[in-house]
PDB file of N, CA and C in Angstrom:
ATOM      1  N   MET A   1      -2.361 167.669 -57.120  1.00  0.00           N
ATOM      2  CA  MET A   1      -1.726 167.733 -55.822  1.00  0.00           C
ATOM      3  C   MET A   1      -0.657 166.649 -55.782  1.00  0.00           C
ATOM      4  N   SER A   2       0.516 167.030 -55.360  1.00  0.00           N
ATOM      5  CA  SER A   2       1.608 166.068 -55.320  1.00  0.00           C
ATOM      6  C   SER A   2       1.405 165.072 -54.186  1.00  0.00           C
ATOM      7  N   VAL A   3       2.047 163.927 -54.329  1.00  0.00           N
ATOM      8  CA  VAL A   3       1.971 162.892 -53.307  1.00  0.00           C
ATOM      9  C   VAL A   3       2.518 163.420 -51.989  1.00  0.00           C
ATOM     10  N   GLU A   4       3.593 164.193 -52.055  1.00  0.00           N
ATOM     11  CA  GLU A   4       4.193 164.753 -50.844  1.00  0.00           C
ATOM     12  C   GLU A   4       3.219 165.698 -50.141  1.00  0.00           C
ATOM     13  N   LEU A   5       2.541 166.536 -50.904  1.00  0.00           N
ATOM     14  CA  LEU A   5       1.573 167.462 -50.322  1.00  0.00           C
ATOM     15  C   LEU A   5       0.406 166.694 -49.697  1.00  0.00           C
ATOM     16  N   LYS A   6      -0.072 165.648 -50.369  1.00  0.00           N
ATOM     17  CA  LYS A   6      -1.149 164.829 -49.813  1.00  0.00           C
ATOM     18  C   LYS A   6      -0.715 164.201 -48.497  1.00  0.00           C
ATOM     19  N   ARG A   7       0.528 163.739 -48.445  1.00  0.00           N
ATOM     20  CA  ARG A   7       1.055 163.130 -47.229  1.00  0.00           C
ATOM     21  C   ARG A   7       1.110 164.155 -46.087  1.00  0.00           C
ATOM     22  N   ASP A   8       1.528 165.388 -46.402  1.00  0.00           N
ATOM     23  CA  ASP A   8       1.582 166.453 -45.399  1.00  0.00           C
ATOM     24  C   ASP A   8       0.187 166.776 -44.859  1.00  0.00           C
ATOM     25  N   ILE A   9      -0.773 166.879 -45.756  1.00  0.00           N
ATOM     26  CA  ILE A   9      -2.149 167.176 -45.338  1.00  0.00           C
ATOM     27  C   ILE A   9      -2.693 166.032 -44.492  1.00  0.00           C
ATOM     28  N   TYR A  10      -2.442 164.802 -44.909  1.00  0.00           N
ATOM     29  CA  TYR A  10      -2.913 163.629 -44.178  1.00  0.00           C
ATOM     30  C   TYR A  10      -2.326 163.634 -42.764  1.00  0.00           C
ATOM     31  N   LYS A  11      -1.043 163.962 -42.643  1.00  0.00           N
ATOM     32  CA  LYS A  11      -0.399 164.013 -41.329  1.00  0.00           C
ATOM     33  C   LYS A  11      -1.044 165.091 -40.461  1.00  0.00           C
ATOM     34  N   LYS A  12      -1.355 166.243 -41.042  1.00  0.00           N
ATOM     35  CA  LYS A  12      -2.009 167.310 -40.272  1.00  0.00           C
ATOM     36  C   LYS A  12      -3.405 166.875 -39.825  1.00  0.00           C
ATOM     37  N   LEU A  13      -4.119 166.138 -40.664  1.00  0.00           N
ATOM     38  CA  LEU A  13      -5.425 165.612 -40.271  1.00  0.00           C
ATOM     39  C   LEU A  13      -5.275 164.627 -39.111  1.00  0.00           C
ATOM     40  N   ALA A  14      -4.266 163.765 -39.184  1.00  0.00           N
ATOM     41  CA  ALA A  14      -4.017 162.800 -38.108  1.00  0.00           C
ATOM     42  C   ALA A  14      -3.660 163.519 -36.806  1.00  0.00           C
ATOM     43  N   ASP A  15      -2.851 164.562 -36.913  1.00  0.00           N
ATOM     44  CA  ASP A  15      -2.499 165.352 -35.720  1.00  0.00           C
ATOM     45  C   ASP A  15      -3.740 166.002 -35.119  1.00  0.00           C
ATOM     46  N   TRP A  16      -4.614 166.525 -35.977  1.00  0.00           N
ATOM     47  CA  TRP A  16      -5.862 167.136 -35.518  1.00  0.00           C
ATOM     48  C   TRP A  16      -6.706 166.116 -34.760  1.00  0.00           C
ATOM     49  N   LYS A  17      -6.794 164.907 -35.282  1.00  0.00           N
ATOM     50  CA  LYS A  17      -7.583 163.867 -34.612  1.00  0.00           C
ATOM     51  C   LYS A  17      -6.982 163.523 -33.254  1.00  0.00           C
ATOM     52  N   LYS A  18      -5.671 163.436 -33.179  1.00  0.00           N
ATOM     53  CA  LYS A  18      -5.004 163.086 -31.916  1.00  0.00           C
ATOM     54  C   LYS A  18      -5.230 164.138 -30.838  1.00  0.00           C
ATOM     55  N   GLU A  19      -5.381 165.395 -31.223  1.00  0.00           N
ATOM     56  CA  GLU A  19      -5.582 166.480 -30.253  1.00  0.00           C
ATOM     57  C   GLU A  19      -6.884 166.333 -29.472  1.00  0.00           C
ATOM     58  N   ARG A  20      -7.911 165.740 -30.088  1.00  0.00           N
ATOM     59  CA  ARG A  20      -9.211 165.498 -29.449  1.00  0.00           C
ATOM     60  C   ARG A  20      -9.792 166.745 -28.780  1.00  0.00           C
ATOM     61  N   THR A  21      -9.715 167.853 -29.481  1.00  0.00           N
ATOM     62  CA  THR A  21     -10.244 169.101 -28.917  1.00  0.00           C
ATOM     63  C   THR A  21     -11.748 169.232 -29.132  1.00  0.00           C
ATOM     64  N   GLY A  22     -12.281 168.471 -30.080  1.00  0.00           N
ATOM     65  CA  GLY A  22     -13.689 168.605 -30.416  1.00  0.00           C
ATOM     66  C   GLY A  22     -13.960 169.805 -31.296  1.00  0.00           C
ATOM     67  N   LYS A  23     -12.901 170.491 -31.687  1.00  0.00           N
ATOM     68  CA  LYS A  23     -13.051 171.685 -32.516  1.00  0.00           C
ATOM     69  C   LYS A  23     -13.214 171.316 -33.980  1.00  0.00           C
ATOM     70  N   VAL A  24     -13.852 172.196 -34.700  1.00  0.00           N
ATOM     71  CA  VAL A  24     -14.048 172.035 -36.138  1.00  0.00           C
ATOM     72  C   VAL A  24     -12.717 172.255 -36.843  1.00  0.00           C
ATOM     73  N   LEU A  25     -12.483 171.488 -37.868  1.00  0.00           N
ATOM     74  CA  LEU A  25     -11.298 171.650 -38.699  1.00  0.00           C
ATOM     75  C   LEU A  25     -11.736 172.224 -40.032  1.00  0.00           C
ATOM     76  N   GLU A  26     -11.106 173.286 -40.454  1.00  0.00           N
ATOM     77  CA  GLU A  26     -11.396 173.861 -41.761  1.00  0.00           C
ATOM     78  C   GLU A  26     -10.252 173.520 -42.696  1.00  0.00           C
ATOM     79  N   LEU A  27     -10.580 172.913 -43.811  1.00  0.00           N
ATOM     80  CA  LEU A  27      -9.599 172.589 -44.834  1.00  0.00           C
ATOM     81  C   LEU A  27      -9.922 173.452 -46.045  1.00  0.00           C
ATOM     82  N   SER A  28      -9.043 174.378 -46.356  1.00  0.00           N
ATOM     83  CA  SER A  28      -9.309 175.276 -47.471  1.00  0.00           C
ATOM     84  C   SER A  28      -8.167 175.203 -48.468  1.00  0.00           C
ATOM     85  N   GLY A  29      -8.463 175.656 -49.664  1.00  0.00           N
ATOM     86  CA  GLY A  29      -7.459 175.661 -50.716  1.00  0.00           C
ATOM     87  C   GLY A  29      -8.112 175.863 -52.068  1.00  0.00           C
ATOM     88  N   ALA A  30      -7.288 175.861 -53.081  1.00  0.00           N
ATOM     89  CA  ALA A  30      -7.773 176.059 -54.445  1.00  0.00           C
ATOM     90  C   ALA A  30      -8.743 174.945 -54.842  1.00  0.00           C
ATOM     91  N   ARG A  31      -9.560 175.250 -55.824  1.00  0.00           N
ATOM     92  CA  ARG A  31     -10.508 174.260 -56.341  1.00  0.00           C
ATOM     93  C   ARG A  31      -9.775 173.142 -57.076  1.00  0.00           C
ATOM     94  N   GLN A  32     -10.379 171.949 -56.992  1.00  0.00           N
ATOM     95  CA  GLN A  32      -9.936 170.808 -57.799  1.00  0.00           C
ATOM     96  C   GLN A  32      -8.491 170.374 -57.522  1.00  0.00           C
ATOM     97  N   VAL A  33      -8.070 170.430 -56.256  1.00  0.00           N
ATOM     98  CA  VAL A  33      -6.708 169.993 -55.946  1.00  0.00           C
ATOM     99  C   VAL A  33      -6.674 168.727 -55.095  1.00  0.00           C
ATOM    100  N   GLY A  34      -7.847 168.202 -54.729  1.00  0.00           N
ATOM    101  CA  GLY A  34      -7.890 166.938 -54.003  1.00  0.00           C
ATOM    102  C   GLY A  34      -8.275 167.030 -52.533  1.00  0.00           C
ATOM    103  N   LYS A  35      -8.811 168.166 -52.094  1.00  0.00           N
ATOM    104  CA  LYS A  35      -9.197 168.327 -50.689  1.00  0.00           C
ATOM    105  C   LYS A  35     -10.250 167.293 -50.280  1.00  0.00           C
ATOM    106  N   THR A  36     -11.292 167.175 -51.048  1.00  0.00           N
ATOM    107  CA  THR A  36     -12.367 166.235 -50.726  1.00  0.00           C
ATOM    108  C   THR A  36     -11.853 164.807 -50.776  1.00  0.00           C
ATOM    109  N   PHE A  37     -11.050 164.492 -51.767  1.00  0.00           N
ATOM    110  CA  PHE A  37     -10.488 163.143 -51.892  1.00  0.00           C
ATOM    111  C   PHE A  37      -9.706 162.762 -50.633  1.00  0.00           C
ATOM    112  N   ILE A  38      -8.797 163.638 -50.198  1.00  0.00           N
ATOM    113  CA  ILE A  38      -7.955 163.304 -49.049  1.00  0.00           C
ATOM    114  C   ILE A  38      -8.777 163.252 -47.766  1.00  0.00           C
ATOM    115  N   LEU A  39      -9.780 164.120 -47.643  1.00  0.00           N
ATOM    116  CA  LEU A  39     -10.649 164.097 -46.463  1.00  0.00           C
ATOM    117  C   LEU A  39     -11.463 162.804 -46.392  1.00  0.00           C
ATOM    118  N   LYS A  40     -12.024 162.388 -47.511  1.00  0.00           N
ATOM    119  CA  LYS A  40     -12.800 161.139 -47.540  1.00  0.00           C
ATOM    120  C   LYS A  40     -11.907 159.940 -47.261  1.00  0.00           C
ATOM    121  N   LYS A  41     -10.704 159.944 -47.808  1.00  0.00           N
ATOM    122  CA  LYS A  41      -9.739 158.859 -47.556  1.00  0.00           C
ATOM    123  C   LYS A  41      -9.394 158.813 -46.072  1.00  0.00           C
ATOM    124  N   PHE A  42      -9.109 159.971 -45.487  1.00  0.00           N
ATOM    125  CA  PHE A  42      -8.791 160.054 -44.070  1.00  0.00           C
ATOM    126  C   PHE A  42      -9.963 159.533 -43.227  1.00  0.00           C
ATOM    127  N   ALA A  43     -11.177 159.934 -43.580  1.00  0.00           N
ATOM    128  CA  ALA A  43     -12.367 159.496 -42.835  1.00  0.00           C
ATOM    129  C   ALA A  43     -12.524 157.978 -42.904  1.00  0.00           C
ATOM    130  N   ARG A  44     -12.376 157.395 -44.092  1.00  0.00           N
ATOM    131  CA  ARG A  44     -12.502 155.938 -44.250  1.00  0.00           C
ATOM    132  C   ARG A  44     -11.486 155.191 -43.408  1.00  0.00           C
ATOM    133  N   GLU A  45     -10.268 155.706 -43.365  1.00  0.00           N
ATOM    134  CA  GLU A  45      -9.175 154.997 -42.719  1.00  0.00           C
ATOM    135  C   GLU A  45      -9.056 155.263 -41.216  1.00  0.00           C
ATOM    136  N   ASN A  46      -9.740 156.295 -40.719  1.00  0.00           N
ATOM    137  CA  ASN A  46      -9.530 156.684 -39.320  1.00  0.00           C
ATOM    138  C   ASN A  46     -10.790 156.770 -38.463  1.00  0.00           C
ATOM    139  N   TYR A  47     -11.942 156.563 -39.062  1.00  0.00           N
ATOM    140  CA  TYR A  47     -13.186 156.666 -38.316  1.00  0.00           C
ATOM    141  C   TYR A  47     -14.075 155.464 -38.589  1.00  0.00           C
ATOM    142  N   LYS A  48     -14.870 155.129 -37.602  1.00  0.00           N
ATOM    143  CA  LYS A  48     -15.829 154.033 -37.748  1.00  0.00           C
ATOM    144  C   LYS A  48     -16.871 154.383 -38.810  1.00  0.00           C
ATOM    145  N   TYR A  49     -17.267 155.665 -38.828  1.00  0.00           N
ATOM    146  CA  TYR A  49     -18.329 156.097 -39.728  1.00  0.00           C
ATOM    147  C   TYR A  49     -18.147 157.569 -40.053  1.00  0.00           C
ATOM    148  N   SER A  50     -18.501 157.970 -41.254  1.00  0.00           N
ATOM    149  CA  SER A  50     -18.444 159.392 -41.606  1.00  0.00           C
ATOM    150  C   SER A  50     -19.694 159.775 -42.386  1.00  0.00           C
ATOM    151  N   ILE A  51     -20.050 161.036 -42.267  1.00  0.00           N
ATOM    152  CA  ILE A  51     -21.188 161.594 -42.999  1.00  0.00           C
ATOM    153  C   ILE A  51     -20.647 162.750 -43.831  1.00  0.00           C
ATOM    154  N   TYR A  52     -20.889 162.696 -45.139  1.00  0.00           N
ATOM    155  CA  TYR A  52     -20.407 163.744 -46.048  1.00  0.00           C
ATOM    156  C   TYR A  52     -21.584 164.597 -46.498  1.00  0.00           C
ATOM    157  N   ILE A  53     -21.472 165.902 -46.258  1.00  0.00           N
ATOM    158  CA  ILE A  53     -22.519 166.844 -46.666  1.00  0.00           C
ATOM    159  C   ILE A  53     -21.862 167.951 -47.478  1.00  0.00           C
ATOM    160  N   ASN A  54     -22.277 168.100 -48.724  1.00  0.00           N
ATOM    161  CA  ASN A  54     -21.764 169.159 -49.586  1.00  0.00           C
ATOM    162  C   ASN A  54     -22.851 170.226 -49.697  1.00  0.00           C
ATOM    163  N   MET A  55     -22.589 171.402 -49.150  1.00  0.00           N
ATOM    164  CA  MET A  55     -23.611 172.434 -49.058  1.00  0.00           C
ATOM    165  C   MET A  55     -24.029 173.025 -50.406  1.00  0.00           C
ATOM    166  N   VAL A  56     -23.308 172.758 -51.472  1.00  0.00           N
ATOM    167  CA  VAL A  56     -23.711 173.271 -52.784  1.00  0.00           C
ATOM    168  C   VAL A  56     -24.363 172.184 -53.640  1.00  0.00           C
ATOM    169  N   GLU A  57     -24.543 171.006 -53.069  1.00  0.00           N
ATOM    170  CA  GLU A  57     -25.185 169.909 -53.797  1.00  0.00           C
ATOM    171  C   GLU A  57     -26.456 169.472 -53.069  1.00  0.00           C
ATOM    172  N   ASP A  58     -27.079 168.423 -53.562  1.00  0.00           N
ATOM    173  CA  ASP A  58     -28.325 167.937 -52.971  1.00  0.00           C
ATOM    174  C   ASP A  58     -28.157 167.513 -51.516  1.00  0.00           C
ATOM    175  N   THR A  59     -26.986 167.010 -51.150  1.00  0.00           N
ATOM    176  CA  THR A  59     -26.787 166.609 -49.760  1.00  0.00           C
ATOM    177  C   THR A  59     -26.925 167.810 -48.835  1.00  0.00           C
ATOM    178  N   GLY A  60     -26.459 168.958 -49.264  1.00  0.00           N
ATOM    179  CA  GLY A  60     -26.583 170.175 -48.462  1.00  0.00           C
ATOM    180  C   GLY A  60     -28.023 170.610 -48.324  1.00  0.00           C
ATOM    181  N   LYS A  61     -28.769 170.553 -49.433  1.00  0.00           N
ATOM    182  CA  LYS A  61     -30.190 170.923 -49.390  1.00  0.00           C
ATOM    183  C   LYS A  61     -30.956 169.993 -48.454  1.00  0.00           C
ATOM    184  N   ALA A  62     -30.656 168.703 -48.540  1.00  0.00           N
ATOM    185  CA  ALA A  62     -31.344 167.733 -47.681  1.00  0.00           C
ATOM    186  C   ALA A  62     -31.006 167.976 -46.209  1.00  0.00           C
ATOM    187  N   PHE A  63     -29.742 168.248 -45.933  1.00  0.00           N
ATOM    188  CA  PHE A  63     -29.358 168.510 -44.543  1.00  0.00           C
ATOM    189  C   PHE A  63     -30.035 169.760 -44.003  1.00  0.00           C
ATOM    190  N   LEU A  64     -30.111 170.820 -44.805  1.00  0.00           N
ATOM    191  CA  LEU A  64     -30.760 172.050 -44.351  1.00  0.00           C
ATOM    192  C   LEU A  64     -32.236 171.821 -44.040  1.00  0.00           C
ATOM    193  N   LYS A  65     -32.902 170.953 -44.812  1.00  0.00           N
ATOM    194  CA  LYS A  65     -34.292 170.610 -44.515  1.00  0.00           C
ATOM    195  C   LYS A  65     -34.376 169.889 -43.170  1.00  0.00           C
ATOM    196  N   CYS A  66     -33.429 168.992 -42.938  1.00  0.00           N
ATOM    197  CA  CYS A  66     -33.391 168.277 -41.652  1.00  0.00           C
ATOM    198  C   CYS A  66     -33.143 169.254 -40.505  1.00  0.00           C
ATOM    199  N   LEU A  67     -32.271 170.214 -40.721  1.00  0.00           N
ATOM    200  CA  LEU A  67     -31.977 171.208 -39.690  1.00  0.00           C
ATOM    201  C   LEU A  67     -33.202 172.073 -39.398  1.00  0.00           C
ATOM    202  N   ASP A  68     -33.928 172.461 -40.445  1.00  0.00           N
ATOM    203  CA  ASP A  68     -35.165 173.233 -40.247  1.00  0.00           C
ATOM    204  C   ASP A  68     -36.162 172.441 -39.406  1.00  0.00           C
ATOM    205  N   THR A  69     -36.302 171.166 -39.731  1.00  0.00           N
ATOM    206  CA  THR A  69     -37.224 170.308 -38.978  1.00  0.00           C
ATOM    207  C   THR A  69     -36.778 170.180 -37.525  1.00  0.00           C
ATOM    208  N   ALA A  70     -35.488 169.941 -37.331  1.00  0.00           N
ATOM    209  CA  ALA A  70     -34.961 169.738 -35.975  1.00  0.00           C
ATOM    210  C   ALA A  70     -35.047 171.001 -35.132  1.00  0.00           C
ATOM    211  N   ALA A  71     -34.896 172.153 -35.761  1.00  0.00           N
ATOM    212  CA  ALA A  71     -34.878 173.418 -35.015  1.00  0.00           C
ATOM    213  C   ALA A  71     -36.262 174.036 -34.847  1.00  0.00           C
ATOM    214  N   SER A  72     -37.264 173.472 -35.516  1.00  0.00           N
ATOM    215  CA  SER A  72     -38.593 174.067 -35.410  1.00  0.00           C
ATOM    216  C   SER A  72     -39.114 173.910 -33.979  1.00  0.00           C
ATOM    217  N   TRP A  73     -39.839 174.914 -33.527  1.00  0.00           N
ATOM    218  CA  TRP A  73     -40.344 174.930 -32.155  1.00  0.00           C
ATOM    219  C   TRP A  73     -41.660 175.671 -32.121  1.00  0.00           C
ATOM    220  N   GLU A  74     -42.555 175.183 -31.317  1.00  0.00           N
ATOM    221  CA  GLU A  74     -43.831 175.850 -31.128  1.00  0.00           C
ATOM    222  C   GLU A  74     -44.020 176.140 -29.647  1.00  0.00           C
ATOM    223  N   PRO A  75     -44.625 177.275 -29.326  1.00  0.00           N
ATOM    224  CA  PRO A  75     -44.860 177.587 -27.912  1.00  0.00           C
ATOM    225  C   PRO A  75     -45.589 176.439 -27.214  1.00  0.00           C
ATOM    226  N   GLY A  76     -45.150 176.149 -26.006  1.00  0.00           N
ATOM    227  CA  GLY A  76     -45.754 175.064 -25.231  1.00  0.00           C
ATOM    228  C   GLY A  76     -45.048 173.739 -25.412  1.00  0.00           C
ATOM    229  N   CYS A  77     -44.194 173.645 -26.414  1.00  0.00           N
ATOM    230  CA  CYS A  77     -43.427 172.421 -26.646  1.00  0.00           C
ATOM    231  C   CYS A  77     -42.022 172.580 -26.077  1.00  0.00           C
ATOM    232  N   GLU A  78     -41.425 171.467 -25.744  1.00  0.00           N
ATOM    233  CA  GLU A  78     -40.065 171.489 -25.216  1.00  0.00           C
ATOM    234  C   GLU A  78     -39.081 171.808 -26.343  1.00  0.00           C
ATOM    235  N   ARG A  79     -38.113 172.644 -26.048  1.00  0.00           N
ATOM    236  CA  ARG A  79     -37.092 172.976 -27.045  1.00  0.00           C
ATOM    237  C   ARG A  79     -36.064 171.845 -27.122  1.00  0.00           C
ATOM    238  N   ILE A  80     -35.576 171.609 -28.312  1.00  0.00           N
ATOM    239  CA  ILE A  80     -34.530 170.610 -28.508  1.00  0.00           C
ATOM    240  C   ILE A  80     -33.208 171.253 -28.129  1.00  0.00           C
ATOM    241  N   GLU A  81     -32.467 170.598 -27.224  1.00  0.00           N
ATOM    242  CA  GLU A  81     -31.228 171.177 -26.715  1.00  0.00           C
ATOM    243  C   GLU A  81     -30.139 171.268 -27.783  1.00  0.00           C
ATOM    244  N   LYS A  82     -29.966 170.240 -28.576  1.00  0.00           N
ATOM    245  CA  LYS A  82     -28.928 170.237 -29.614  1.00  0.00           C
ATOM    246  C   LYS A  82     -29.572 169.935 -30.964  1.00  0.00           C
ATOM    247  N   PRO A  83     -30.192 170.937 -31.596  1.00  0.00           N
ATOM    248  CA  PRO A  83     -30.886 170.663 -32.863  1.00  0.00           C
ATOM    249  C   PRO A  83     -29.954 170.150 -33.956  1.00  0.00           C
ATOM    250  N   ILE A  84     -28.673 170.512 -33.897  1.00  0.00           N
ATOM    251  CA  ILE A  84     -27.749 170.021 -34.929  1.00  0.00           C
ATOM    252  C   ILE A  84     -27.622 168.501 -34.848  1.00  0.00           C
ATOM    253  N   HIS A  85     -27.607 167.955 -33.631  1.00  0.00           N
ATOM    254  CA  HIS A  85     -27.521 166.499 -33.481  1.00  0.00           C
ATOM    255  C   HIS A  85     -28.791 165.833 -33.995  1.00  0.00           C
ATOM    256  N   ARG A  86     -29.925 166.434 -33.688  1.00  0.00           N
ATOM    257  CA  ARG A  86     -31.199 165.901 -34.179  1.00  0.00           C
ATOM    258  C   ARG A  86     -31.233 165.963 -35.706  1.00  0.00           C
ATOM    259  N   ALA A  87     -30.732 167.051 -36.280  1.00  0.00           N
ATOM    260  CA  ALA A  87     -30.697 167.184 -37.739  1.00  0.00           C
ATOM    261  C   ALA A  87     -29.810 166.111 -38.356  1.00  0.00           C
ATOM    262  N   LEU A  88     -28.666 165.850 -37.750  1.00  0.00           N
ATOM    263  CA  LEU A  88     -27.776 164.807 -38.263  1.00  0.00           C
ATOM    264  C   LEU A  88     -28.429 163.436 -38.153  1.00  0.00           C
ATOM    265  N   ASP A  89     -29.174 163.213 -37.091  1.00  0.00           N
ATOM    266  CA  ASP A  89     -29.892 161.952 -36.935  1.00  0.00           C
ATOM    267  C   ASP A  89     -30.988 161.808 -37.986  1.00  0.00           C
ATOM    268  N   LEU A  90     -31.687 162.908 -38.276  1.00  0.00           N
ATOM    269  CA  LEU A  90     -32.708 162.875 -39.333  1.00  0.00           C
ATOM    270  C   LEU A  90     -32.072 162.652 -40.702  1.00  0.00           C
ATOM    271  N   TYR A  91     -30.923 163.290 -40.923  1.00  0.00           N
ATOM    272  CA  TYR A  91     -30.233 163.183 -42.209  1.00  0.00           C
ATOM    273  C   TYR A  91     -29.677 161.777 -42.424  1.00  0.00           C
ATOM    274  N   ASP A  92     -29.109 161.191 -41.370  1.00  0.00           N
ATOM    275  CA  ASP A  92     -28.485 159.877 -41.474  1.00  0.00           C
ATOM    276  C   ASP A  92     -28.744 159.115 -40.183  1.00  0.00           C
ATOM    277  N   GLY A  93     -29.581 158.121 -40.257  1.00  0.00           N
ATOM    278  CA  GLY A  93     -29.961 157.347 -39.081  1.00  0.00           C
ATOM    279  C   GLY A  93     -28.805 156.656 -38.380  1.00  0.00           C
ATOM    280  N   ASN A  94     -27.650 156.569 -39.016  1.00  0.00           N
ATOM    281  CA  ASN A  94     -26.478 155.950 -38.390  1.00  0.00           C
ATOM    282  C   ASN A  94     -25.665 156.932 -37.555  1.00  0.00           C
ATOM    283  N   PHE A  95     -26.087 158.190 -37.513  1.00  0.00           N
ATOM    284  CA  PHE A  95     -25.335 159.185 -36.760  1.00  0.00           C
ATOM    285  C   PHE A  95     -25.297 158.847 -35.278  1.00  0.00           C
ATOM    286  N   GLU A  96     -24.102 158.930 -34.719  1.00  0.00           N
ATOM    287  CA  GLU A  96     -23.886 158.805 -33.278  1.00  0.00           C
ATOM    288  C   GLU A  96     -22.946 159.932 -32.883  1.00  0.00           C
ATOM    289  N   ASP A  97     -23.193 160.537 -31.755  1.00  0.00           N
ATOM    290  CA  ASP A  97     -22.331 161.613 -31.278  1.00  0.00           C
ATOM    291  C   ASP A  97     -21.165 161.005 -30.498  1.00  0.00           C
ATOM    292  N   THR A  98     -20.215 160.439 -31.237  1.00  0.00           N
ATOM    293  CA  THR A  98     -19.040 159.826 -30.623  1.00  0.00           C
ATOM    294  C   THR A  98     -17.790 160.300 -31.361  1.00  0.00           C
ATOM    295  N   GLU A  99     -16.651 160.001 -30.780  1.00  0.00           N
ATOM    296  CA  GLU A  99     -15.380 160.358 -31.409  1.00  0.00           C
ATOM    297  C   GLU A  99     -15.081 159.503 -32.638  1.00  0.00           C
ATOM    298  N   GLU A 100     -15.868 158.467 -32.854  1.00  0.00           N
ATOM    299  CA  GLU A 100     -15.640 157.585 -33.996  1.00  0.00           C
ATOM    300  C   GLU A 100     -16.465 157.945 -35.208  1.00  0.00           C
ATOM    301  N   VAL A 101     -17.174 159.089 -35.143  1.00  0.00           N
ATOM    302  CA  VAL A 101     -17.960 159.572 -36.273  1.00  0.00           C
ATOM    303  C   VAL A 101     -17.405 160.925 -36.711  1.00  0.00           C
ATOM    304  N   LEU A 102     -17.172 161.058 -38.010  1.00  0.00           N
ATOM    305  CA  LEU A 102     -16.669 162.313 -38.572  1.00  0.00           C
ATOM    306  C   LEU A 102     -17.708 162.898 -39.501  1.00  0.00           C
ATOM    307  N   ILE A 103     -18.012 164.172 -39.308  1.00  0.00           N
ATOM    308  CA  ILE A 103     -18.924 164.885 -40.195  1.00  0.00           C
ATOM    309  C   ILE A 103     -18.076 165.740 -41.112  1.00  0.00           C
ATOM    310  N   VAL A 104     -18.178 165.512 -42.413  1.00  0.00           N
ATOM    311  CA  VAL A 104     -17.438 166.281 -43.411  1.00  0.00           C
ATOM    312  C   VAL A 104     -18.449 167.148 -44.118  1.00  0.00           C
ATOM    313  N   HIS A 105     -18.222 168.461 -44.069  1.00  0.00           N
ATOM    314  CA  HIS A 105     -19.177 169.377 -44.706  1.00  0.00           C
ATOM    315  C   HIS A 105     -18.433 170.521 -45.323  1.00  0.00           C
TER     316      HIS A 105
END
Protein backbone atom coordinates (compact mmCIF):
# COMPACT_ATOMS: atom_id res chain seq x y z
CA MET A 1 0.00 0.00 0.00
CA SER A 2 1.43 3.34 -0.98
CA VAL A 3 2.06 6.06 1.56
CA GLU A 4 -0.45 8.27 -0.25
CA LEU A 5 -3.14 5.60 -0.06
CA LYS A 6 -2.44 5.05 3.66
CA ARG A 7 -2.77 8.80 4.21
CA ASP A 8 -6.12 8.84 2.36
CA ILE A 9 -7.46 5.94 4.42
CA TYR A 10 -6.22 7.53 7.65
CA LYS A 11 -8.00 10.78 6.74
CA LYS A 12 -11.24 8.88 6.06
CA LEU A 13 -10.92 7.17 9.45
CA ALA A 14 -10.40 10.57 11.11
CA ASP A 15 -13.45 11.95 9.30
CA TRP A 16 -15.49 8.95 10.47
CA LYS A 17 -14.45 9.61 14.07
CA LYS A 18 -15.36 13.30 13.82
CA GLU A 19 -18.89 12.44 12.60
CA ARG A 20 -19.66 10.74 15.96
CA THR A 21 -22.58 8.82 14.51
CA GLY A 22 -21.93 5.73 16.61
CA LYS A 23 -22.21 3.70 13.43
CA VAL A 24 -19.98 0.78 12.56
CA LEU A 25 -17.24 1.41 10.05
CA GLU A 26 -16.42 -1.32 7.58
CA LEU A 27 -12.94 -1.29 6.09
CA SER A 28 -12.66 -3.70 3.20
CA GLY A 29 -10.10 -4.41 0.55
CA ALA A 30 -7.68 -6.94 -0.84
CA ARG A 31 -5.74 -9.21 1.47
CA GLN A 32 -2.33 -8.21 2.80
CA VAL A 33 -2.46 -4.53 1.83
CA GLY A 34 -2.20 -2.99 5.31
CA LYS A 35 -5.82 -2.59 6.48
CA THR A 36 -5.16 -3.99 9.95
CA PHE A 37 -1.91 -2.05 10.27
CA ILE A 38 -3.54 1.31 9.49
CA LEU A 39 -6.55 0.55 11.71
CA LYS A 40 -4.35 -0.36 14.69
CA LYS A 41 -2.20 2.74 14.10
CA PHE A 42 -5.32 4.91 13.95
CA ALA A 43 -6.67 3.32 17.15
CA ARG A 44 -3.38 3.89 19.04
CA GLU A 45 -3.17 7.51 17.97
CA ASN A 46 -6.83 8.51 18.34
CA TYR A 47 -8.37 6.50 21.17
CA LYS A 48 -7.69 6.05 24.85
CA TYR A 49 -8.11 2.29 24.48
CA SER A 50 -8.86 -0.23 21.74
CA ILE A 51 -9.85 -3.88 21.65
CA TYR A 52 -8.80 -5.96 18.64
CA ILE A 53 -10.80 -9.10 17.82
CA ASN A 54 -9.96 -11.19 14.77
CA MET A 55 -12.85 -13.55 14.07
CA VAL A 56 -10.66 -16.10 12.26
CA GLU A 57 -8.10 -16.34 15.06
CA ASP A 58 -8.14 -17.27 18.74
CA THR A 59 -9.32 -13.79 19.73
CA GLY A 60 -12.50 -14.38 17.75
CA LYS A 61 -13.10 -17.77 19.35
CA ALA A 62 -12.58 -16.29 22.80
CA PHE A 63 -14.94 -13.41 22.10
CA LEU A 64 -17.66 -15.76 20.81
CA LYS A 65 -17.40 -17.75 24.06
CA CYS A 66 -17.82 -14.51 26.00
CA LEU A 67 -20.82 -13.60 23.85
CA ASP A 68 -22.42 -17.01 24.48
CA THR A 69 -21.94 -16.53 28.21
CA ALA A 70 -23.28 -12.97 28.14
CA ALA A 71 -26.32 -13.89 26.05
CA SER A 72 -27.27 -17.01 27.98
CA TRP A 73 -30.61 -16.74 29.77
CA GLU A 74 -32.73 -19.00 31.88
CA PRO A 75 -36.44 -18.61 32.60
CA GLY A 76 -37.00 -16.66 35.80
CA CYS A 77 -33.75 -14.73 35.44
CA GLU A 78 -33.46 -11.14 34.31
CA ARG A 79 -32.40 -10.70 30.69
CA ILE A 80 -29.24 -8.75 29.98
CA GLU A 81 -30.19 -5.62 28.04
CA LYS A 82 -26.95 -5.27 26.06
CA PRO A 83 -25.26 -8.69 25.93
CA ILE A 84 -22.63 -7.39 23.50
CA HIS A 85 -21.40 -4.94 26.15
CA ARG A 86 -21.32 -7.69 28.75
CA ALA A 87 -19.40 -9.91 26.30
CA LEU A 88 -16.85 -7.16 25.70
CA ASP A 89 -16.48 -6.71 29.44
CA LEU A 90 -15.92 -10.46 29.87
CA TYR A 91 -13.45 -10.48 26.98
CA ASP A 92 -11.49 -7.46 28.21
CA GLY A 93 -11.97 -6.08 31.70
CA ASN A 94 -10.81 -2.64 30.52
CA PHE A 95 -13.82 -2.24 28.24
CA GLU A 96 -15.82 0.94 28.77
CA ASP A 97 -18.74 2.02 26.63
CA THR A 98 -17.35 5.46 25.81
CA GLU A 99 -16.30 7.38 22.73
CA GLU A 100 -12.68 6.86 23.77
CA VAL A 101 -12.79 3.09 23.22
CA LEU A 102 -12.56 1.55 19.75
CA ILE A 103 -13.51 -2.04 19.01
CA VAL A 104 -11.70 -3.40 15.95
CA HIS A 105 -13.12 -6.66 14.65
